[in-house]
Amino acid sequence: MAKHALQLGTATFVRKVTDWRSDARLYRVDPPITYDNWGGGAPKTTDHVIVSAVLAYSGPETYIFPAMADGEAINMGELDGSQRGDVSHEEALEAAGYEVA
């Protein structure tokens, strides 16, 4: 695991999300993560994210999406840490500033 000069937040695995076509997992994040409010207005925060890892037609990718505590995605806006080239929940969350607990 890479060493960071900044203090990482914590991402705690909650459960797998079964209604996605990928290896999707719900995590609780502390501190909350900021996402764009697609309805307009200022950005919002949430303390849950869905991390989706899949081998897509364009190659491996792992994306992070804002979510509600029940595992429903708030919107499909990719959050910081989302990346192509691997299928690692942990690496994507670390890139977003969270260490998986």
PDB file of N, CA and C in Angstrom:
ATOM      1  N   MET A   1       0.840  -1.172   0.000  1.00  0.00           N
ATOM      2  CA  MET A   1       0.000   0.000   0.000  1.00  0.00           C
ATOM      3  C   MET A   1       0.886   1.236   0.000  1.00  0.00           C
ATOM      4  N   ALA A   2       0.492   2.226  -0.759  1.00  0.00           N
ATOM      5  CA  ALA A   2       1.268   3.444  -0.876  1.00  0.00           C
ATOM      6  C   ALA A   2       1.175   4.262   0.408  1.00  0.00           C
ATOM      7  N   LYS A   3       2.232   4.957   0.720  1.00  0.00           N
ATOM      8  CA  LYS A   3       2.259   5.846   1.878  1.00  0.00           C
ATOM      9  C   LYS A   3       1.807   7.232   1.431  1.00  0.00           C
ATOM     10  N   HIS A   4       0.975   7.884   2.236  1.00  0.00           N
ATOM     11  CA  HIS A   4       0.468   9.206   1.911  1.00  0.00           C
ATOM     12  C   HIS A   4       0.889  10.188   2.987  1.00  0.00           C
ATOM     13  N   ALA A   5       1.255  11.398   2.570  1.00  0.00           N
ATOM     14  CA  ALA A   5       1.592  12.440   3.519  1.00  0.00           C
ATOM     15  C   ALA A   5       0.329  12.956   4.212  1.00  0.00           C
ATOM     16  N   LEU A   6      -0.788  12.912   3.507  1.00  0.00           N
ATOM     17  CA  LEU A   6      -2.048  13.378   4.074  1.00  0.00           C
ATOM     18  C   LEU A   6      -2.748  12.249   4.818  1.00  0.00           C
ATOM     19  N   GLN A   7      -3.511  12.607   5.813  1.00  0.00           N
ATOM     20  CA  GLN A   7      -4.299  11.631   6.561  1.00  0.00           C
ATOM     21  C   GLN A   7      -5.430  11.128   5.673  1.00  0.00           C
ATOM     22  N   LEU A   8      -5.542   9.823   5.554  1.00  0.00           N
ATOM     23  CA  LEU A   8      -6.620   9.242   4.764  1.00  0.00           C
ATOM     24  C   LEU A   8      -7.882   9.124   5.607  1.00  0.00           C
ATOM     25  N   GLY A   9      -9.018   9.205   4.931  1.00  0.00           N
ATOM     26  CA  GLY A   9     -10.271   8.898   5.584  1.00  0.00           C
ATOM     27  C   GLY A   9     -10.416   7.384   5.645  1.00  0.00           C
ATOM     28  N   THR A  10     -11.555   6.917   6.139  1.00  0.00           N
ATOM     29  CA  THR A  10     -11.809   5.485   6.278  1.00  0.00           C
ATOM     30  C   THR A  10     -13.007   5.083   5.426  1.00  0.00           C
ATOM     31  N   ALA A  11     -12.855   3.972   4.706  1.00  0.00           N
ATOM     32  CA  ALA A  11     -13.955   3.373   3.948  1.00  0.00           C
ATOM     33  C   ALA A  11     -14.216   1.998   4.555  1.00  0.00           C
ATOM     34  N   THR A  12     -15.436   1.782   5.012  1.00  0.00           N
ATOM     35  CA  THR A  12     -15.809   0.523   5.656  1.00  0.00           C
ATOM     36  C   THR A  12     -16.787  -0.230   4.765  1.00  0.00           C
ATOM     37  N   PHE A  13     -16.425  -1.467   4.410  1.00  0.00           N
ATOM     38  CA  PHE A  13     -17.291  -2.297   3.570  1.00  0.00           C
ATOM     39  C   PHE A  13     -18.608  -2.543   4.291  1.00  0.00           C
ATOM     40  N   VAL A  14     -19.720  -2.347   3.573  1.00  0.00           N
ATOM     41  CA  VAL A  14     -21.051  -2.589   4.127  1.00  0.00           C
ATOM     42  C   VAL A  14     -21.614  -3.895   3.568  1.00  0.00           C
ATOM     43  N   ARG A  15     -21.682  -3.991   2.223  1.00  0.00           N
ATOM     44  CA  ARG A  15     -22.213  -5.203   1.592  1.00  0.00           C
ATOM     45  C   ARG A  15     -22.008  -5.131   0.090  1.00  0.00           C
ATOM     46  N   LYS A  16     -22.170  -6.281  -0.563  1.00  0.00           N
ATOM     47  CA  LYS A  16     -22.157  -6.310  -2.028  1.00  0.00           C
ATOM     48  C   LYS A  16     -23.489  -5.760  -2.529  1.00  0.00           C
ATOM     49  N   VAL A  17     -23.436  -5.129  -3.685  1.00  0.00           N
ATOM     50  CA  VAL A  17     -24.640  -4.606  -4.333  1.00  0.00           C
ATOM     51  C   VAL A  17     -24.940  -5.568  -5.475  1.00  0.00           C
ATOM     52  N   THR A  18     -26.031  -6.304  -5.365  1.00  0.00           N
ATOM     53  CA  THR A  18     -26.279  -7.431  -6.264  1.00  0.00           C
ATOM     54  C   THR A  18     -26.997  -7.076  -7.556  1.00  0.00           C
ATOM     55  N   ASP A  19     -27.585  -5.899  -7.655  1.00  0.00           N
ATOM     56  CA  ASP A  19     -28.350  -5.586  -8.866  1.00  0.00           C
ATOM     57  C   ASP A  19     -27.543  -4.790  -9.890  1.00  0.00           C
ATOM     58  N   TRP A  20     -26.226  -4.898  -9.842  1.00  0.00           N
ATOM     59  CA  TRP A  20     -25.340  -4.262 -10.821  1.00  0.00           C
ATOM     60  C   TRP A  20     -24.695  -5.341 -11.678  1.00  0.00           C
ATOM     61  N   ARG A  21     -24.248  -4.984 -12.873  1.00  0.00           N
ATOM     62  CA  ARG A  21     -23.571  -5.935 -13.774  1.00  0.00           C
ATOM     63  C   ARG A  21     -22.061  -5.885 -13.577  1.00  0.00           C
ATOM     64  N   SER A  22     -21.647  -5.752 -12.353  1.00  0.00           N
ATOM     65  CA  SER A  22     -20.227  -5.638 -12.025  1.00  0.00           C
ATOM     66  C   SER A  22     -20.036  -6.143 -10.608  1.00  0.00           C
ATOM     67  N   ASP A  23     -18.793  -6.128 -10.153  1.00  0.00           N
ATOM     68  CA  ASP A  23     -18.509  -6.410  -8.748  1.00  0.00           C
ATOM     69  C   ASP A  23     -18.688  -5.083  -8.023  1.00  0.00           C
ATOM     70  N   ALA A  24     -19.915  -4.813  -7.612  1.00  0.00           N
ATOM     71  CA  ALA A  24     -20.251  -3.538  -6.972  1.00  0.00           C
ATOM     72  C   ALA A  24     -20.387  -3.749  -5.474  1.00  0.00           C
ATOM     73  N   ARG A  25     -19.792  -2.814  -4.723  1.00  0.00           N
ATOM     74  CA  ARG A  25     -19.801  -2.909  -3.265  1.00  0.00           C
ATOM     75  C   ARG A  25     -20.149  -1.554  -2.664  1.00  0.00           C
ATOM     76  N   LEU A  26     -20.927  -1.610  -1.590  1.00  0.00           N
ATOM     77  CA  LEU A  26     -21.314  -0.414  -0.853  1.00  0.00           C
ATOM     78  C   LEU A  26     -20.336  -0.215   0.297  1.00  0.00           C
ATOM     79  N   TYR A  27     -19.834   1.020   0.426  1.00  0.00           N
ATOM     80  CA  TYR A  27     -18.927   1.372   1.513  1.00  0.00           C
ATOM     81  C   TYR A  27     -19.473   2.589   2.243  1.00  0.00           C
ATOM     82  N   ARG A  28     -19.220   2.645   3.546  1.00  0.00           N
ATOM     83  CA  ARG A  28     -19.478   3.851   4.335  1.00  0.00           C
ATOM     84  C   ARG A  28     -18.152   4.587   4.418  1.00  0.00           C
ATOM     85  N   VAL A  29     -18.151   5.888   4.092  1.00  0.00           N
ATOM     86  CA  VAL A  29     -16.913   6.654   4.093  1.00  0.00           C
ATOM     87  C   VAL A  29     -16.961   7.753   5.157  1.00  0.00           C
ATOM     88  N   ASP A  30     -15.821   7.949   5.808  1.00  0.00           N
ATOM     89  CA  ASP A  30     -15.672   8.965   6.835  1.00  0.00           C
ATOM     90  C   ASP A  30     -14.318   9.623   6.657  1.00  0.00           C
ATOM     91  N   PRO A  31     -14.265  10.894   6.338  1.00  0.00           N
ATOM     92  CA  PRO A  31     -15.367  11.844   6.287  1.00  0.00           C
ATOM     93  C   PRO A  31     -16.207  11.662   5.024  1.00  0.00           C
ATOM     94  N   PRO A  32     -17.421  12.247   5.024  1.00  0.00           N
ATOM     95  CA  PRO A  32     -18.278  12.150   3.838  1.00  0.00           C
ATOM     96  C   PRO A  32     -17.579  12.693   2.595  1.00  0.00           C
ATOM     97  N   ILE A  33     -18.019  12.191   1.434  1.00  0.00           N
ATOM     98  CA  ILE A  33     -17.447  12.584   0.147  1.00  0.00           C
ATOM     99  C   ILE A  33     -18.394  13.566  -0.531  1.00  0.00           C
ATOM    100  N   THR A  34     -17.830  14.502  -1.278  1.00  0.00           N
ATOM    101  CA  THR A  34     -18.610  15.526  -1.983  1.00  0.00           C
ATOM    102  C   THR A  34     -18.918  15.059  -3.399  1.00  0.00           C
ATOM    103  N   TYR A  35     -20.144  15.321  -3.836  1.00  0.00           N
ATOM    104  CA  TYR A  35     -20.539  14.992  -5.208  1.00  0.00           C
ATOM    105  C   TYR A  35     -21.324  16.150  -5.804  1.00  0.00           C
ATOM    106  N   ASP A  36     -21.350  16.224  -7.144  1.00  0.00           N
ATOM    107  CA  ASP A  36     -22.096  17.276  -7.836  1.00  0.00           C
ATOM    108  C   ASP A  36     -23.586  17.023  -7.702  1.00  0.00           C
ATOM    109  N   ASN A  37     -24.314  18.077  -7.431  1.00  0.00           N
ATOM    110  CA  ASN A  37     -25.765  18.029  -7.347  1.00  0.00           C
ATOM    111  C   ASN A  37     -26.314  18.244  -8.749  1.00  0.00           C
ATOM    112  N   TRP A  38     -26.690  17.177  -9.413  1.00  0.00           N
ATOM    113  CA  TRP A  38     -27.160  17.273 -10.797  1.00  0.00           C
ATOM    114  C   TRP A  38     -28.428  18.103 -10.933  1.00  0.00           C
ATOM    115  N   GLY A  39     -29.168  18.277  -9.853  1.00  0.00           N
ATOM    116  CA  GLY A  39     -30.388  19.075  -9.907  1.00  0.00           C
ATOM    117  C   GLY A  39     -30.112  20.564  -9.836  1.00  0.00           C
ATOM    118  N   GLY A  40     -28.853  20.935  -9.764  1.00  0.00           N
ATOM    119  CA  GLY A  40     -28.488  22.339  -9.642  1.00  0.00           C
ATOM    120  C   GLY A  40     -28.138  22.668  -8.196  1.00  0.00           C
ATOM    121  N   GLY A  41     -27.566  23.813  -8.021  1.00  0.00           N
ATOM    122  CA  GLY A  41     -27.200  24.234  -6.671  1.00  0.00           C
ATOM    123  C   GLY A  41     -25.818  23.754  -6.279  1.00  0.00           C
ATOM    124  N   ALA A  42     -25.501  23.951  -5.032  1.00  0.00           N
ATOM    125  CA  ALA A  42     -24.173  23.631  -4.503  1.00  0.00           C
ATOM    126  C   ALA A  42     -23.960  22.120  -4.438  1.00  0.00           C
ATOM    127  N   PRO A  43     -22.695  21.695  -4.499  1.00  0.00           N
ATOM    128  CA  PRO A  43     -22.399  20.266  -4.318  1.00  0.00           C
ATOM    129  C   PRO A  43     -22.914  19.779  -2.962  1.00  0.00           C
ATOM    130  N   LYS A  44     -23.160  18.476  -2.882  1.00  0.00           N
ATOM    131  CA  LYS A  44     -23.663  17.852  -1.653  1.00  0.00           C
ATOM    132  C   LYS A  44     -22.651  16.833  -1.163  1.00  0.00           C
ATOM    133  N   THR A  45     -22.906  16.267  -0.001  1.00  0.00           N
ATOM    134  CA  THR A  45     -22.042  15.215   0.534  1.00  0.00           C
ATOM    135  C   THR A  45     -22.875  13.987   0.876  1.00  0.00           C
ATOM    136  N   THR A  46     -22.199  12.844   0.908  1.00  0.00           N
ATOM    137  CA  THR A  46     -22.817  11.591   1.329  1.00  0.00           C
ATOM    138  C   THR A  46     -21.771  10.773   2.065  1.00  0.00           C
ATOM    139  N   ASP A  47     -22.232   9.936   2.974  1.00  0.00           N
ATOM    140  CA  ASP A  47     -21.281   9.082   3.686  1.00  0.00           C
ATOM    141  C   ASP A  47     -21.320   7.636   3.189  1.00  0.00           C
ATOM    142  N   HIS A  48     -21.900   7.423   2.000  1.00  0.00           N
ATOM    143  CA  HIS A  48     -21.898   6.106   1.364  1.00  0.00           C
ATOM    144  C   HIS A  48     -21.538   6.231  -0.112  1.00  0.00           C
ATOM    145  N   VAL A  49     -20.808   5.256  -0.612  1.00  0.00           N
ATOM    146  CA  VAL A  49     -20.459   5.192  -2.028  1.00  0.00           C
ATOM    147  C   VAL A  49     -20.607   3.761  -2.515  1.00  0.00           C
ATOM    148  N   ILE A  50     -20.870   3.626  -3.808  1.00  0.00           N
ATOM    149  CA  ILE A  50     -20.820   2.327  -4.478  1.00  0.00           C
ATOM    150  C   ILE A  50     -19.549   2.324  -5.312  1.00  0.00           C
ATOM    151  N   VAL A  51     -18.743   1.288  -5.141  1.00  0.00           N
ATOM    152  CA  VAL A  51     -17.533   1.122  -5.943  1.00  0.00           C
ATOM    153  C   VAL A  51     -17.798  -0.058  -6.875  1.00  0.00           C
ATOM    154  N   SER A  52     -17.707   0.191  -8.171  1.00  0.00           N
ATOM    155  CA  SER A  52     -18.029  -0.800  -9.199  1.00  0.00           C
ATOM    156  C   SER A  52     -16.779  -1.144  -9.991  1.00  0.00           C
ATOM    157  N   ALA A  53     -16.385  -2.416  -9.946  1.00  0.00           N
ATOM    158  CA  ALA A  53     -15.211  -2.882 -10.688  1.00  0.00           C
ATOM    159  C   ALA A  53     -15.677  -3.875 -11.752  1.00  0.00           C
ATOM    160  N   VAL A  54     -15.221  -3.651 -13.005  1.00  0.00           N
ATOM    161  CA  VAL A  54     -15.687  -4.501 -14.101  1.00  0.00           C
ATOM    162  C   VAL A  54     -14.644  -4.543 -15.218  1.00  0.00           C
ATOM    163  N   LEU A  55     -14.614  -5.662 -15.912  1.00  0.00           N
ATOM    164  CA  LEU A  55     -13.818  -5.769 -17.137  1.00  0.00           C
ATOM    165  C   LEU A  55     -14.758  -5.400 -18.274  1.00  0.00           C
ATOM    166  N   ALA A  56     -14.754  -4.131 -18.657  1.00  0.00           N
ATOM    167  CA  ALA A  56     -15.647  -3.605 -19.694  1.00  0.00           C
ATOM    168  C   ALA A  56     -15.054  -3.861 -21.074  1.00  0.00           C
ATOM    169  N   TYR A  57     -15.841  -3.603 -22.102  1.00  0.00           N
ATOM    170  CA  TYR A  57     -15.356  -3.785 -23.474  1.00  0.00           C
ATOM    171  C   TYR A  57     -14.120  -2.931 -23.746  1.00  0.00           C
ATOM    172  N   SER A  58     -14.010  -1.797 -23.053  1.00  0.00           N
ATOM    173  CA  SER A  58     -12.868  -0.903 -23.245  1.00  0.00           C
ATOM    174  C   SER A  58     -11.699  -1.225 -22.308  1.00  0.00           C
ATOM    175  N   GLY A  59     -11.857  -2.251 -21.479  1.00  0.00           N
ATOM    176  CA  GLY A  59     -10.799  -2.646 -20.554  1.00  0.00           C
ATOM    177  C   GLY A  59     -11.263  -2.568 -19.109  1.00  0.00           C
ATOM    178  N   PRO A  60     -10.367  -2.866 -18.176  1.00  0.00           N
ATOM    179  CA  PRO A  60     -10.741  -2.853 -16.760  1.00  0.00           C
ATOM    180  C   PRO A  60     -10.990  -1.425 -16.263  1.00  0.00           C
ATOM    181  N   GLU A  61     -11.981  -1.296 -15.384  1.00  0.00           N
ATOM    182  CA  GLU A  61     -12.287   0.006 -14.808  1.00  0.00           C
ATOM    183  C   GLU A  61     -12.932  -0.164 -13.440  1.00  0.00           C
ATOM    184  N   THR A  62     -12.668   0.792 -12.573  1.00  0.00           N
ATOM    185  CA  THR A  62     -13.267   0.823 -11.244  1.00  0.00           C
ATOM    186  C   THR A  62     -13.759   2.240 -11.000  1.00  0.00           C
ATOM    187  N   TYR A  63     -15.062   2.384 -10.819  1.00  0.00           N
ATOM    188  CA  TYR A  63     -15.669   3.695 -10.655  1.00  0.00           C
ATOM    189  C   TYR A  63     -16.357   3.801  -9.302  1.00  0.00           C
ATOM    190  N   ILE A  64     -16.354   5.008  -8.772  1.00  0.00           N
ATOM    191  CA  ILE A  64     -16.979   5.294  -7.481  1.00  0.00           C
ATOM    192  C   ILE A  64     -18.159   6.223  -7.737  1.00  0.00           C
ATOM    193  N   PHE A  65     -19.310   5.894  -7.142  1.00  0.00           N
ATOM    194  CA  PHE A  65     -20.527   6.681  -7.311  1.00  0.00           C
ATOM    195  C   PHE A  65     -21.116   7.047  -5.948  1.00  0.00           C
ATOM    196  N   PRO A  66     -21.717   8.226  -5.824  1.00  0.00           N
ATOM    197  CA  PRO A  66     -22.374   8.579  -4.567  1.00  0.00           C
ATOM    198  C   PRO A  66     -23.592   7.682  -4.354  1.00  0.00           C
ATOM    199  N   ALA A  67     -23.816   7.310  -3.093  1.00  0.00           N
ATOM    200  CA  ALA A  67     -24.914   6.378  -2.810  1.00  0.00           C
ATOM    201  C   ALA A  67     -25.630   6.750  -1.516  1.00  0.00           C
ATOM    202  N   MET A  68     -26.797   6.159  -1.364  1.00  0.00           N
ATOM    203  CA  MET A  68     -27.556   6.267  -0.128  1.00  0.00           C
ATOM    204  C   MET A  68     -27.203   5.058   0.736  1.00  0.00           C
ATOM    205  N   ALA A  69     -27.539   5.107   2.002  1.00  0.00           N
ATOM    206  CA  ALA A  69     -27.201   4.029   2.934  1.00  0.00           C
ATOM    207  C   ALA A  69     -27.830   2.696   2.539  1.00  0.00           C
ATOM    208  N   ASP A  70     -28.938   2.719   1.792  1.00  0.00           N
ATOM    209  CA  ASP A  70     -29.601   1.482   1.383  1.00  0.00           C
ATOM    210  C   ASP A  70     -28.969   0.848   0.140  1.00  0.00           C
ATOM    211  N   GLY A  71     -27.924   1.495  -0.425  1.00  0.00           N
ATOM    212  CA  GLY A  71     -27.238   0.941  -1.581  1.00  0.00           C
ATOM    213  C   GLY A  71     -27.739   1.454  -2.912  1.00  0.00           C
ATOM    214  N   GLU A  72     -28.642   2.426  -2.901  1.00  0.00           N
ATOM    215  CA  GLU A  72     -29.125   3.024  -4.147  1.00  0.00           C
ATOM    216  C   GLU A  72     -28.176   4.145  -4.562  1.00  0.00           C
ATOM    217  N   ALA A  73     -27.785   4.151  -5.839  1.00  0.00           N
ATOM    218  CA  ALA A  73     -26.929   5.217  -6.339  1.00  0.00           C
ATOM    219  C   ALA A  73     -27.709   6.526  -6.355  1.00  0.00           C
ATOM    220  N   ILE A  74     -27.072   7.600  -5.912  1.00  0.00           N
ATOM    221  CA  ILE A  74     -27.697   8.923  -5.945  1.00  0.00           C
ATOM    222  C   ILE A  74     -27.712   9.439  -7.377  1.00  0.00           C
ATOM    223  N   ASN A  75     -26.583   9.298  -8.068  1.00  0.00           N
ATOM    224  CA  ASN A  75     -26.488   9.606  -9.487  1.00  0.00           C
ATOM    225  C   ASN A  75     -25.300   8.835 -10.041  1.00  0.00           C
ATOM    226  N   MET A  76     -25.118   8.887 -11.336  1.00  0.00           N
ATOM    227  CA  MET A  76     -24.038   8.112 -11.967  1.00  0.00           C
ATOM    228  C   MET A  76     -22.831   8.988 -12.300  1.00  0.00           C
ATOM    229  N   GLY A  77     -22.666  10.069 -11.569  1.00  0.00           N
ATOM    230  CA  GLY A  77     -21.492  10.913 -11.731  1.00  0.00           C
ATOM    231  C   GLY A  77     -20.293  10.244 -11.075  1.00  0.00           C
ATOM    232  N   GLU A  78     -19.252  10.015 -11.846  1.00  0.00           N
ATOM    233  CA  GLU A  78     -18.056   9.342 -11.323  1.00  0.00           C
ATOM    234  C   GLU A  78     -17.319  10.280 -10.377  1.00  0.00           C
ATOM    235  N   LEU A  79     -16.991   9.767  -9.205  1.00  0.00           N
ATOM    236  CA  LEU A  79     -16.306  10.556  -8.192  1.00  0.00           C
ATOM    237  C   LEU A  79     -14.795  10.455  -8.330  1.00  0.00           C
ATOM    238  N   ASP A  80     -14.095  11.384  -7.679  1.00  0.00           N
ATOM    239  CA  ASP A  80     -12.636  11.323  -7.632  1.00  0.00           C
ATOM    240  C   ASP A  80     -12.202   9.947  -7.144  1.00  0.00           C
ATOM    241  N   GLY A  81     -11.157   9.425  -7.739  1.00  0.00           N
ATOM    242  CA  GLY A  81     -10.668   8.082  -7.418  1.00  0.00           C
ATOM    243  C   GLY A  81     -11.070   7.064  -8.469  1.00  0.00           C
ATOM    244  N   SER A  82     -12.136   7.350  -9.220  1.00  0.00           N
ATOM    245  CA  SER A  82     -12.552   6.468 -10.304  1.00  0.00           C
ATOM    246  C   SER A  82     -11.409   6.356 -11.307  1.00  0.00           C
ATOM    247  N   GLN A  83     -11.219   5.137 -11.854  1.00  0.00           N
ATOM    248  CA  GLN A  83     -10.063   4.954 -12.726  1.00  0.00           C
ATOM    249  C   GLN A  83     -10.246   3.792 -13.690  1.00  0.00           C
ATOM    250  N   ARG A  84      -9.536   3.896 -14.788  1.00  0.00           N
ATOM    251  CA  ARG A  84      -9.456   2.813 -15.769  1.00  0.00           C
ATOM    252  C   ARG A  84      -8.110   2.135 -15.606  1.00  0.00           C
ATOM    253  N   GLY A  85      -8.041   0.873 -16.014  1.00  0.00           N
ATOM    254  CA  GLY A  85      -6.771   0.166 -16.002  1.00  0.00           C
ATOM    255  C   GLY A  85      -6.649  -0.878 -14.924  1.00  0.00           C
ATOM    256  N   ASP A  86      -7.588  -0.907 -13.971  1.00  0.00           N
ATOM    257  CA  ASP A  86      -7.566  -1.957 -12.962  1.00  0.00           C
ATOM    258  C   ASP A  86      -8.984  -2.203 -12.436  1.00  0.00           C
ATOM    259  N   VAL A  87      -9.120  -3.250 -11.674  1.00  0.00           N
ATOM    260  CA  VAL A  87     -10.398  -3.587 -11.053  1.00  0.00           C
ATOM    261  C   VAL A  87     -10.169  -3.768  -9.556  1.00  0.00           C
ATOM    262  N   SER A  88      -9.760  -2.710  -8.899  1.00  0.00           N
ATOM    263  CA  SER A  88      -9.441  -2.766  -7.475  1.00  0.00           C
ATOM    264  C   SER A  88     -10.253  -1.741  -6.699  1.00  0.00           C
ATOM    265  N   HIS A  89     -11.180  -2.229  -5.882  1.00  0.00           N
ATOM    266  CA  HIS A  89     -11.962  -1.348  -5.021  1.00  0.00           C
ATOM    267  C   HIS A  89     -11.039  -0.552  -4.101  1.00  0.00           C
ATOM    268  N   GLU A  90     -10.055  -1.243  -3.531  1.00  0.00           N
ATOM    269  CA  GLU A  90      -9.149  -0.616  -2.568  1.00  0.00           C
ATOM    270  C   GLU A  90      -8.328   0.507  -3.210  1.00  0.00           C
ATOM    271  N   GLU A  91      -7.792   0.258  -4.414  1.00  0.00           N
ATOM    272  CA  GLU A  91      -6.981   1.282  -5.077  1.00  0.00           C
ATOM    273  C   GLU A  91      -7.820   2.505  -5.448  1.00  0.00           C
ATOM    274  N   ALA A  92      -9.036   2.289  -5.910  1.00  0.00           N
ATOM    275  CA  ALA A  92      -9.898   3.420  -6.258  1.00  0.00           C
ATOM    276  C   ALA A  92     -10.234   4.235  -5.009  1.00  0.00           C
ATOM    277  N   LEU A  93     -10.576   3.564  -3.923  1.00  0.00           N
ATOM    278  CA  LEU A  93     -10.891   4.278  -2.690  1.00  0.00           C
ATOM    279  C   LEU A  93      -9.672   5.014  -2.153  1.00  0.00           C
ATOM    280  N   GLU A  94      -8.506   4.401  -2.250  1.00  0.00           N
ATOM    281  CA  GLU A  94      -7.288   5.074  -1.801  1.00  0.00           C
ATOM    282  C   GLU A  94      -7.017   6.310  -2.657  1.00  0.00           C
ATOM    283  N   ALA A  95      -7.241   6.210  -3.958  1.00  0.00           N
ATOM    284  CA  ALA A  95      -7.061   7.365  -4.849  1.00  0.00           C
ATOM    285  C   ALA A  95      -8.051   8.481  -4.505  1.00  0.00           C
ATOM    286  N   ALA A  96      -9.197   8.116  -3.930  1.00  0.00           N
ATOM    287  CA  ALA A  96     -10.190   9.099  -3.517  1.00  0.00           C
ATOM    288  C   ALA A  96      -9.886   9.670  -2.133  1.00  0.00           C
ATOM    289  N   GLY A  97      -8.881   9.090  -1.451  1.00  0.00           N
ATOM    290  CA  GLY A  97      -8.492   9.603  -0.138  1.00  0.00           C
ATOM    291  C   GLY A  97      -8.972   8.788   1.034  1.00  0.00           C
ATOM    292  N   TYR A  98      -9.307   7.515   0.791  1.00  0.00           N
ATOM    293  CA  TYR A  98      -9.816   6.654   1.858  1.00  0.00           C
ATOM    294  C   TYR A  98      -9.022   5.362   1.963  1.00  0.00           C
ATOM    295  N   GLU A  99      -8.827   4.910   3.180  1.00  0.00           N
ATOM    296  CA  GLU A  99      -8.205   3.619   3.427  1.00  0.00           C
ATOM    297  C   GLU A  99      -9.317   2.647   3.819  1.00  0.00           C
ATOM    298  N   VAL A 100      -9.304   1.461   3.213  1.00  0.00           N
ATOM    299  CA  VAL A 100     -10.328   0.462   3.515  1.00  0.00           C
ATOM    300  C   VAL A 100     -10.029  -0.163   4.875  1.00  0.00           C
ATOM    301  N   ALA A 101     -11.005  -0.073   5.753  1.00  0.00           N
ATOM    302  CA  ALA A 101     -10.836  -0.600   7.114  1.00  0.00           C
ATOM    303  C   ALA A 101     -11.185  -2.065   7.179  1.00  0.00           C
TER     304      ALA A 101
END
